[in-house]
Amino acid sequence: MLDPRILSDTAEIAARRAGAMLREKWSQPRQTTSKGFRDIVTDSDFASQQIIAETILSRFPDHGFLAEEEDSKLPTSGPVIWIVDPIDGTTNFSREIPAVCISIGAMVANQIVAGIVYDPLRDELFHAARDHGAFLNGKPIAVSTVTGGEATIWGMDFARTRAERQLLFDAILRYGHEVRSIRGIGAAALGLAWLAAGRIDIYLNFTLSAWDVAAAHLLIEEAGGTITCADGTPWTPAQSKRGILASNGQEHATIRQQINP
């Protein structure tokens, strides 16, 4: 198997190239279209995905992709599957809210072995290779050591469906009074990367796909945190629709019981 650090380095190159394009387009008019219920896509999503795919395929032409924006030209099988969200936080991007990122994870035999989350507006690259630690712009990162609710910062994002929103409302009613504050981020991968870096202590979302979670899942594990499905079962790319609970690991089981009994 390829050294996961080589895969992480490749993801970084791809993300930085796509990120440079997103910075150029930041103040330009967006072409936004609907692609489903409460879900949009911009022309920049497609452009970013194309840059990422071309960069990876130029190095690894036999690799495959699981990407958010459908593209029949992209291969879907290979020894490594790249799980790509070309813009996480598309709604933020469409309204010039500066909380967006690019997420790229590399999967081998159903295990994420390398991942990056890149915030092009702040030039912050969160990166990890399995068994080699987690980093922010080359410096090691770790989850927080906060214990107890009163100091806890809880990140979350709004679900799309009424039923999933109700789950979130119920979780807030059960546990929200225990924490210092709650943050809505609008970009799941970025929120999870912030947790890996110790900026927040909990993250909860009931509406996620594999490309939202794959890279950040490895970041959190390598940074010493805990990330599971919202019901506490192990996460795999096939189970993202079950929601995600991530924490610094201090009281993960207790938190899970309180927010999702």
C-alpha atoms as a PDB file:
ATOM      1  CA  MET A   1       0.000   0.000   0.000  1.00  0.00           C
ATOM      2  CA  LEU A   2       1.114   3.541  -0.667  1.00  0.00           C
ATOM      3  CA  ASP A   3       2.524   5.421   2.290  1.00  0.00           C
ATOM      4  CA  PRO A   4      -0.480   7.404   3.605  1.00  0.00           C
ATOM      5  CA  ARG A   5       1.756  10.454   3.917  1.00  0.00           C
ATOM      6  CA  ILE A   6       2.140  10.456   0.132  1.00  0.00           C
ATOM      7  CA  LEU A   7      -1.636  10.418  -0.200  1.00  0.00           C
ATOM      8  CA  SER A   8      -1.955  13.243   2.329  1.00  0.00           C
ATOM      9  CA  ASP A   9       0.634  15.298   0.449  1.00  0.00           C
ATOM     10  CA  THR A  10      -1.250  14.735  -2.812  1.00  0.00           C
ATOM     11  CA  ALA A  11      -4.510  15.821  -1.195  1.00  0.00           C
ATOM     12  CA  GLU A  12      -2.795  18.967   0.064  1.00  0.00           C
ATOM     13  CA  ILE A  13      -1.550  19.884  -3.405  1.00  0.00           C
ATOM     14  CA  ALA A  14      -5.016  19.331  -4.870  1.00  0.00           C
ATOM     15  CA  ALA A  15      -6.750  21.314  -2.123  1.00  0.00           C
ATOM     16  CA  ARG A  16      -4.376  24.256  -2.343  1.00  0.00           C
ATOM     17  CA  ARG A  17      -4.875  24.464  -6.112  1.00  0.00           C
ATOM     18  CA  ALA A  18      -8.642  24.382  -5.736  1.00  0.00           C
ATOM     19  CA  GLY A  19      -8.465  26.791  -2.809  1.00  0.00           C
ATOM     20  CA  ALA A  20      -6.565  29.351  -4.865  1.00  0.00           C
ATOM     21  CA  MET A  21      -9.401  29.306  -7.389  1.00  0.00           C
ATOM     22  CA  LEU A  22     -12.014  29.728  -4.645  1.00  0.00           C
ATOM     23  CA  ARG A  23     -10.194  32.748  -3.235  1.00  0.00           C
ATOM     24  CA  GLU A  24     -10.187  34.330  -6.696  1.00  0.00           C
ATOM     25  CA  LYS A  25     -13.926  33.739  -7.044  1.00  0.00           C
ATOM     26  CA  TRP A  26     -14.814  34.823  -3.512  1.00  0.00           C
ATOM     27  CA  SER A  27     -15.882  38.361  -4.403  1.00  0.00           C
ATOM     28  CA  GLN A  28     -17.272  37.461  -7.836  1.00  0.00           C
ATOM     29  CA  PRO A  29     -20.953  36.767  -8.655  1.00  0.00           C
ATOM     30  CA  ARG A  30     -22.042  33.174  -8.021  1.00  0.00           C
ATOM     31  CA  GLN A  31     -24.080  30.948 -10.316  1.00  0.00           C
ATOM     32  CA  THR A  32     -26.234  29.001  -7.876  1.00  0.00           C
ATOM     33  CA  THR A  33     -28.727  26.256  -8.687  1.00  0.00           C
ATOM     34  CA  SER A  34     -30.845  23.900  -6.608  1.00  0.00           C
ATOM     35  CA  LYS A  35     -29.890  20.235  -6.586  1.00  0.00           C
ATOM     36  CA  GLY A  36     -32.465  18.988  -4.100  1.00  0.00           C
ATOM     37  CA  PHE A  37     -34.475  19.802  -0.999  1.00  0.00           C
ATOM     38  CA  ARG A  38     -32.742  22.684   0.825  1.00  0.00           C
ATOM     39  CA  ASP A  39     -29.538  21.887  -1.082  1.00  0.00           C
ATOM     40  CA  ILE A  40     -27.684  24.061  -3.590  1.00  0.00           C
ATOM     41  CA  VAL A  41     -24.613  23.929  -5.783  1.00  0.00           C
ATOM     42  CA  THR A  42     -22.517  26.688  -7.352  1.00  0.00           C
ATOM     43  CA  ASP A  43     -20.356  26.783 -10.448  1.00  0.00           C
ATOM     44  CA  SER A  44     -17.361  26.914  -8.099  1.00  0.00           C
ATOM     45  CA  ASP A  45     -18.257  23.505  -6.608  1.00  0.00           C
ATOM     46  CA  PHE A  46     -17.830  21.917 -10.024  1.00  0.00           C
ATOM     47  CA  ALA A  47     -14.665  23.882 -10.805  1.00  0.00           C
ATOM     48  CA  SER A  48     -13.095  22.928  -7.469  1.00  0.00           C
ATOM     49  CA  GLN A  49     -13.957  19.261  -7.929  1.00  0.00           C
ATOM     50  CA  GLN A  50     -12.443  19.247 -11.414  1.00  0.00           C
ATOM     51  CA  ILE A  51      -9.169  20.740 -10.171  1.00  0.00           C
ATOM     52  CA  ILE A  52      -8.971  18.205  -7.344  1.00  0.00           C
ATOM     53  CA  ALA A  53      -9.725  15.223  -9.582  1.00  0.00           C
ATOM     54  CA  GLU A  54      -7.296  16.293 -12.291  1.00  0.00           C
ATOM     55  CA  THR A  55      -4.519  16.801  -9.750  1.00  0.00           C
ATOM     56  CA  ILE A  56      -5.014  13.381  -8.166  1.00  0.00           C
ATOM     57  CA  LEU A  57      -5.456  11.514 -11.455  1.00  0.00           C
ATOM     58  CA  SER A  58      -2.298  13.083 -12.867  1.00  0.00           C
ATOM     59  CA  ARG A  59      -0.403  11.232 -10.133  1.00  0.00           C
ATOM     60  CA  PHE A  60      -2.607   8.173  -9.671  1.00  0.00           C
ATOM     61  CA  PRO A  61      -4.564   7.446 -12.873  1.00  0.00           C
ATOM     62  CA  ASP A  62      -5.887   4.135 -11.512  1.00  0.00           C
ATOM     63  CA  HIS A  63      -7.551   5.643  -8.424  1.00  0.00           C
ATOM     64  CA  GLY A  64     -11.296   6.156  -8.002  1.00  0.00           C
ATOM     65  CA  PHE A  65     -13.592   8.802  -6.518  1.00  0.00           C
ATOM     66  CA  LEU A  66     -16.644   9.245  -4.338  1.00  0.00           C
ATOM     67  CA  ALA A  67     -17.404  12.931  -4.807  1.00  0.00           C
ATOM     68  CA  GLU A  68     -20.311  15.153  -3.845  1.00  0.00           C
ATOM     69  CA  GLU A  69     -20.944  16.607  -7.294  1.00  0.00           C
ATOM     70  CA  GLU A  70     -21.936  13.873  -9.724  1.00  0.00           C
ATOM     71  CA  ASP A  71     -19.561  13.436 -12.663  1.00  0.00           C
ATOM     72  CA  SER A  72     -19.957  10.432 -14.939  1.00  0.00           C
ATOM     73  CA  LYS A  73     -16.421  10.921 -16.240  1.00  0.00           C
ATOM     74  CA  LEU A  74     -14.761  10.211 -12.897  1.00  0.00           C
ATOM     75  CA  PRO A  75     -13.680   6.618 -12.179  1.00  0.00           C
ATOM     76  CA  THR A  76     -15.416   5.111  -9.163  1.00  0.00           C
ATOM     77  CA  SER A  77     -13.152   2.148  -8.419  1.00  0.00           C
ATOM     78  CA  GLY A  78      -9.466   1.589  -7.767  1.00  0.00           C
ATOM     79  CA  PRO A  79      -6.940   0.663  -5.076  1.00  0.00           C
ATOM     80  CA  VAL A  80      -7.595   4.023  -3.410  1.00  0.00           C
ATOM     81  CA  ILE A  81     -10.955   5.803  -3.346  1.00  0.00           C
ATOM     82  CA  TRP A  82     -10.795   9.567  -2.869  1.00  0.00           C
ATOM     83  CA  ILE A  83     -13.796  10.937  -0.971  1.00  0.00           C
ATOM     84  CA  VAL A  84     -14.152  14.581  -1.968  1.00  0.00           C
ATOM     85  CA  ASP A  85     -16.263  17.547  -0.958  1.00  0.00           C
ATOM     86  CA  PRO A  86     -15.070  20.361  -3.250  1.00  0.00           C
ATOM     87  CA  ILE A  87     -16.803  23.041  -1.168  1.00  0.00           C
ATOM     88  CA  ASP A  88     -18.163  22.140   2.239  1.00  0.00           C
ATOM     89  CA  GLY A  89     -20.340  25.036   3.277  1.00  0.00           C
ATOM     90  CA  THR A  90     -21.783  25.856  -0.141  1.00  0.00           C
ATOM     91  CA  THR A  91     -24.577  27.939   1.386  1.00  0.00           C
ATOM     92  CA  ASN A  92     -21.970  29.953   3.291  1.00  0.00           C
ATOM     93  CA  PHE A  93     -19.966  30.351   0.073  1.00  0.00           C
ATOM     94  CA  SER A  94     -23.031  31.483  -1.867  1.00  0.00           C
ATOM     95  CA  ARG A  95     -23.721  34.238   0.697  1.00  0.00           C
ATOM     96  CA  GLU A  96     -20.077  35.223   1.315  1.00  0.00           C
ATOM     97  CA  ILE A  97     -20.074  33.879   4.865  1.00  0.00           C
ATOM     98  CA  PRO A  98     -16.384  33.075   5.469  1.00  0.00           C
ATOM     99  CA  ALA A  99     -16.742  29.535   6.820  1.00  0.00           C
ATOM    100  CA  VAL A 100     -16.038  27.136   3.954  1.00  0.00           C
ATOM    101  CA  CYS A 101     -13.549  24.371   3.322  1.00  0.00           C
ATOM    102  CA  ILE A 102     -12.378  21.646   0.974  1.00  0.00           C
ATOM    103  CA  SER A 103     -12.418  18.086   2.302  1.00  0.00           C
ATOM    104  CA  ILE A 104     -10.425  15.220   0.762  1.00  0.00           C
ATOM    105  CA  GLY A 105     -10.085  11.762   2.290  1.00  0.00           C
ATOM    106  CA  ALA A 106      -8.251   8.741   0.885  1.00  0.00           C
ATOM    107  CA  MET A 107      -9.831   5.349   1.574  1.00  0.00           C
ATOM    108  CA  VAL A 108      -8.138   1.955   1.234  1.00  0.00           C
ATOM    109  CA  ALA A 109     -10.134  -1.228   1.948  1.00  0.00           C
ATOM    110  CA  ASN A 110     -12.922   0.791   3.632  1.00  0.00           C
ATOM    111  CA  GLN A 111     -10.473   2.553   5.974  1.00  0.00           C
ATOM    112  CA  ILE A 112      -9.610   6.244   5.762  1.00  0.00           C
ATOM    113  CA  VAL A 113      -5.811   6.415   5.647  1.00  0.00           C
ATOM    114  CA  ALA A 114      -5.222  10.079   4.800  1.00  0.00           C
ATOM    115  CA  GLY A 115      -7.278  13.224   5.017  1.00  0.00           C
ATOM    116  CA  ILE A 116      -7.118  16.980   4.714  1.00  0.00           C
ATOM    117  CA  VAL A 117      -9.559  19.766   5.456  1.00  0.00           C
ATOM    118  CA  TYR A 118      -8.476  23.054   3.905  1.00  0.00           C
ATOM    119  CA  ASP A 119      -9.916  26.466   4.756  1.00  0.00           C
ATOM    120  CA  PRO A 120      -8.767  28.570   1.791  1.00  0.00           C
ATOM    121  CA  LEU A 121      -9.943  31.878   3.245  1.00  0.00           C
ATOM    122  CA  ARG A 122      -7.765  31.513   6.361  1.00  0.00           C
ATOM    123  CA  ASP A 123      -5.119  29.378   4.630  1.00  0.00           C
ATOM    124  CA  GLU A 124      -5.500  26.724   7.330  1.00  0.00           C
ATOM    125  CA  LEU A 125      -4.679  23.173   6.264  1.00  0.00           C
ATOM    126  CA  PHE A 126      -5.686  20.449   8.710  1.00  0.00           C
ATOM    127  CA  HIS A 127      -4.017  17.209   7.643  1.00  0.00           C
ATOM    128  CA  ALA A 128      -3.470  13.670   8.876  1.00  0.00           C
ATOM    129  CA  ALA A 129      -2.042  10.343   7.748  1.00  0.00           C
ATOM    130  CA  ARG A 130      -3.013   7.222   9.660  1.00  0.00           C
ATOM    131  CA  ASP A 131      -0.649   6.484  12.583  1.00  0.00           C
ATOM    132  CA  HIS A 132       1.310   9.678  11.925  1.00  0.00           C
ATOM    133  CA  GLY A 133      -0.696  12.260  13.903  1.00  0.00           C
ATOM    134  CA  ALA A 134      -2.806  15.285  13.016  1.00  0.00           C
ATOM    135  CA  PHE A 135      -1.488  18.698  12.063  1.00  0.00           C
ATOM    136  CA  LEU A 136      -2.498  22.255  11.256  1.00  0.00           C
ATOM    137  CA  ASN A 137      -0.159  23.868   8.737  1.00  0.00           C
ATOM    138  CA  GLY A 138       2.542  21.407   9.755  1.00  0.00           C
ATOM    139  CA  LYS A 139       2.211  21.851  13.522  1.00  0.00           C
ATOM    140  CA  PRO A 140       0.799  19.012  15.679  1.00  0.00           C
ATOM    141  CA  ILE A 141      -2.741  19.436  16.976  1.00  0.00           C
ATOM    142  CA  ALA A 142      -4.748  17.675  19.670  1.00  0.00           C
ATOM    143  CA  VAL A 143      -8.300  17.778  20.923  1.00  0.00           C
ATOM    144  CA  SER A 144      -9.132  19.828  24.000  1.00  0.00           C
ATOM    145  CA  THR A 145      -8.982  18.460  27.522  1.00  0.00           C
ATOM    146  CA  VAL A 146     -12.166  20.219  28.632  1.00  0.00           C
ATOM    147  CA  THR A 147     -14.331  18.141  30.972  1.00  0.00           C
ATOM    148  CA  GLY A 148     -17.749  18.993  32.318  1.00  0.00           C
ATOM    149  CA  GLY A 149     -20.436  20.939  30.557  1.00  0.00           C
ATOM    150  CA  GLU A 150     -19.864  24.454  31.896  1.00  0.00           C
ATOM    151  CA  ALA A 151     -16.691  24.989  29.851  1.00  0.00           C
ATOM    152  CA  THR A 152     -17.837  23.045  26.797  1.00  0.00           C
ATOM    153  CA  ILE A 153     -18.291  24.622  23.369  1.00  0.00           C
ATOM    154  CA  TRP A 154     -20.720  22.602  21.287  1.00  0.00           C
ATOM    155  CA  GLY A 155     -20.669  22.831  17.491  1.00  0.00           C
ATOM    156  CA  MET A 156     -23.574  21.699  15.351  1.00  0.00           C
ATOM    157  CA  ASP A 157     -25.305  22.319  12.050  1.00  0.00           C
ATOM    158  CA  PHE A 158     -28.942  22.435  11.063  1.00  0.00           C
ATOM    159  CA  ALA A 159     -30.430  19.393   9.359  1.00  0.00           C
ATOM    160  CA  ARG A 160     -32.484  19.576   6.166  1.00  0.00           C
ATOM    161  CA  THR A 161     -35.545  17.486   6.971  1.00  0.00           C
ATOM    162  CA  ARG A 162     -38.171  18.216   9.602  1.00  0.00           C
ATOM    163  CA  ALA A 163     -37.536  14.898  11.379  1.00  0.00           C
ATOM    164  CA  GLU A 164     -33.768  15.454  11.555  1.00  0.00           C
ATOM    165  CA  ARG A 165     -34.270  19.006  12.791  1.00  0.00           C
ATOM    166  CA  GLN A 166     -36.499  17.676  15.541  1.00  0.00           C
ATOM    167  CA  LEU A 167     -33.703  15.329  16.633  1.00  0.00           C
ATOM    168  CA  LEU A 168     -31.402  18.335  16.927  1.00  0.00           C
ATOM    169  CA  PHE A 169     -33.979  20.398  18.819  1.00  0.00           C
ATOM    170  CA  ASP A 170     -34.496  17.509  21.235  1.00  0.00           C
ATOM    171  CA  ALA A 171     -30.739  17.177  21.769  1.00  0.00           C
ATOM    172  CA  ILE A 172     -30.457  20.886  22.548  1.00  0.00           C
ATOM    173  CA  LEU A 173     -33.314  20.680  25.042  1.00  0.00           C
ATOM    174  CA  ARG A 174     -31.719  17.698  26.789  1.00  0.00           C
ATOM    175  CA  TYR A 175     -28.100  18.864  26.882  1.00  0.00           C
ATOM    176  CA  GLY A 176     -27.900  22.488  25.758  1.00  0.00           C
ATOM    177  CA  HIS A 177     -28.277  23.883  29.269  1.00  0.00           C
ATOM    178  CA  GLU A 178     -25.146  21.958  30.332  1.00  0.00           C
ATOM    179  CA  VAL A 179     -22.696  23.716  27.984  1.00  0.00           C
ATOM    180  CA  ARG A 180     -21.102  27.138  27.845  1.00  0.00           C
ATOM    181  CA  SER A 181     -22.221  27.906  24.290  1.00  0.00           C
ATOM    182  CA  ILE A 182     -23.453  26.408  21.039  1.00  0.00           C
ATOM    183  CA  ARG A 183     -22.023  27.265  17.629  1.00  0.00           C
ATOM    184  CA  GLY A 184     -23.686  26.767  14.250  1.00  0.00           C
ATOM    185  CA  ILE A 185     -20.892  26.533  11.682  1.00  0.00           C
ATOM    186  CA  GLY A 186     -22.481  25.727   8.332  1.00  0.00           C
ATOM    187  CA  ALA A 187     -19.596  23.523   7.182  1.00  0.00           C
ATOM    188  CA  ALA A 188     -19.450  20.136   8.890  1.00  0.00           C
ATOM    189  CA  ALA A 189     -15.917  19.187   7.858  1.00  0.00           C
ATOM    190  CA  LEU A 190     -14.624  22.529   9.117  1.00  0.00           C
ATOM    191  CA  GLY A 191     -16.413  22.120  12.437  1.00  0.00           C
ATOM    192  CA  LEU A 192     -14.942  18.648  12.858  1.00  0.00           C
ATOM    193  CA  ALA A 193     -11.470  19.940  11.988  1.00  0.00           C
ATOM    194  CA  TRP A 194     -11.876  22.656  14.602  1.00  0.00           C
ATOM    195  CA  LEU A 195     -12.706  19.949  17.130  1.00  0.00           C
ATOM    196  CA  ALA A 196      -9.517  18.088  16.187  1.00  0.00           C
ATOM    197  CA  ALA A 197      -7.587  21.299  16.838  1.00  0.00           C
ATOM    198  CA  GLY A 198      -9.196  21.847  20.257  1.00  0.00           C
ATOM    199  CA  ARG A 199     -11.281  24.868  19.258  1.00  0.00           C
ATOM    200  CA  ILE A 200     -14.591  23.203  20.110  1.00  0.00           C
ATOM    201  CA  ASP A 201     -15.311  20.192  22.311  1.00  0.00           C
ATOM    202  CA  ILE A 202     -18.407  18.504  20.819  1.00  0.00           C
ATOM    203  CA  TYR A 203     -19.857  18.376  17.324  1.00  0.00           C
ATOM    204  CA  LEU A 204     -23.277  16.953  16.421  1.00  0.00           C
ATOM    205  CA  ASN A 205     -25.006  16.671  13.060  1.00  0.00           C
ATOM    206  CA  PHE A 206     -27.857  14.415  11.967  1.00  0.00           C
ATOM    207  CA  THR A 207     -27.534  15.087   8.199  1.00  0.00           C
ATOM    208  CA  LEU A 208     -24.157  14.181   6.712  1.00  0.00           C
ATOM    209  CA  SER A 209     -22.706  12.270   3.787  1.00  0.00           C
ATOM    210  CA  ALA A 210     -19.415  10.403   3.521  1.00  0.00           C
ATOM    211  CA  TRP A 211     -17.633  13.357   1.892  1.00  0.00           C
ATOM    212  CA  ASP A 212     -18.550  15.592   4.839  1.00  0.00           C
ATOM    213  CA  VAL A 213     -16.935  13.268   7.361  1.00  0.00           C
ATOM    214  CA  ALA A 214     -14.207  11.085   5.829  1.00  0.00           C
ATOM    215  CA  ALA A 215     -11.179  13.363   6.121  1.00  0.00           C
ATOM    216  CA  ALA A 216     -12.186  14.890   9.453  1.00  0.00           C
ATOM    217  CA  HIS A 217     -12.896  11.461  10.925  1.00  0.00           C
ATOM    218  CA  LEU A 218      -9.206  10.611  10.597  1.00  0.00           C
ATOM    219  CA  LEU A 219      -8.168  14.050  11.853  1.00  0.00           C
ATOM    220  CA  ILE A 220     -10.153  13.571  15.054  1.00  0.00           C
ATOM    221  CA  GLU A 221      -8.867  10.045  15.652  1.00  0.00           C
ATOM    222  CA  GLU A 222      -5.256  11.101  15.091  1.00  0.00           C
ATOM    223  CA  ALA A 223      -5.761  14.147  17.347  1.00  0.00           C
ATOM    224  CA  GLY A 224      -6.955  11.923  20.208  1.00  0.00           C
ATOM    225  CA  GLY A 225     -10.701  12.479  19.972  1.00  0.00           C
ATOM    226  CA  THR A 226     -13.686  10.200  19.523  1.00  0.00           C
ATOM    227  CA  ILE A 227     -16.086  10.169  16.587  1.00  0.00           C
ATOM    228  CA  THR A 228     -19.020   7.797  16.108  1.00  0.00           C
ATOM    229  CA  CYS A 229     -22.430   7.704  14.542  1.00  0.00           C
ATOM    230  CA  ALA A 230     -24.902   9.743  16.583  1.00  0.00           C
ATOM    231  CA  ASP A 231     -26.232   6.543  18.142  1.00  0.00           C
ATOM    232  CA  GLY A 232     -22.742   5.565  19.321  1.00  0.00           C
ATOM    233  CA  THR A 233     -22.034   2.869  16.732  1.00  0.00           C
ATOM    234  CA  PRO A 234     -18.773   2.958  14.736  1.00  0.00           C
ATOM    235  CA  TRP A 235     -18.772   5.265  11.709  1.00  0.00           C
ATOM    236  CA  THR A 236     -18.043   4.012   8.206  1.00  0.00           C
ATOM    237  CA  PRO A 237     -18.495   5.867   4.899  1.00  0.00           C
ATOM    238  CA  ALA A 238     -21.632   3.790   4.284  1.00  0.00           C
ATOM    239  CA  GLN A 239     -23.221   4.923   7.576  1.00  0.00           C
ATOM    240  CA  SER A 240     -22.908   8.704   7.350  1.00  0.00           C
ATOM    241  CA  LYS A 241     -26.670   9.148   6.991  1.00  0.00           C
ATOM    242  CA  ARG A 242     -27.006   7.992  10.614  1.00  0.00           C
ATOM    243  CA  GLY A 243     -25.512  11.265  11.820  1.00  0.00           C
ATOM    244  CA  ILE A 244     -22.265  12.054  13.602  1.00  0.00           C
ATOM    245  CA  LEU A 245     -21.268  12.726  17.193  1.00  0.00           C
ATOM    246  CA  ALA A 246     -17.679  13.811  17.768  1.00  0.00           C
ATOM    247  CA  SER A 247     -16.022  14.864  21.000  1.00  0.00           C
ATOM    248  CA  ASN A 248     -12.686  15.298  22.701  1.00  0.00           C
ATOM    249  CA  GLY A 249     -13.340  11.853  24.164  1.00  0.00           C
ATOM    250  CA  GLN A 250     -13.561  12.970  27.776  1.00  0.00           C
ATOM    251  CA  GLU A 251     -17.208  12.020  28.274  1.00  0.00           C
ATOM    252  CA  HIS A 252     -18.319  10.740  24.870  1.00  0.00           C
ATOM    253  CA  ALA A 253     -20.595   7.952  26.113  1.00  0.00           C
ATOM    254  CA  THR A 254     -22.254  10.229  28.670  1.00  0.00           C
ATOM    255  CA  ILE A 255     -22.836  12.940  26.088  1.00  0.00           C
ATOM    256  CA  ARG A 256     -24.264  10.421  23.643  1.00  0.00           C
ATOM    257  CA  GLN A 257     -26.743   9.155  26.222  1.00  0.00           C
ATOM    258  CA  GLN A 258     -27.902  12.659  27.054  1.00  0.00           C
ATOM    259  CA  ILE A 259     -28.322  13.961  23.516  1.00  0.00           C
ATOM    260  CA  ASN A 260     -29.630  10.763  21.936  1.00  0.00           C
ATOM    261  CA  PRO A 261     -31.056   8.392  24.580  1.00  0.00           C
END
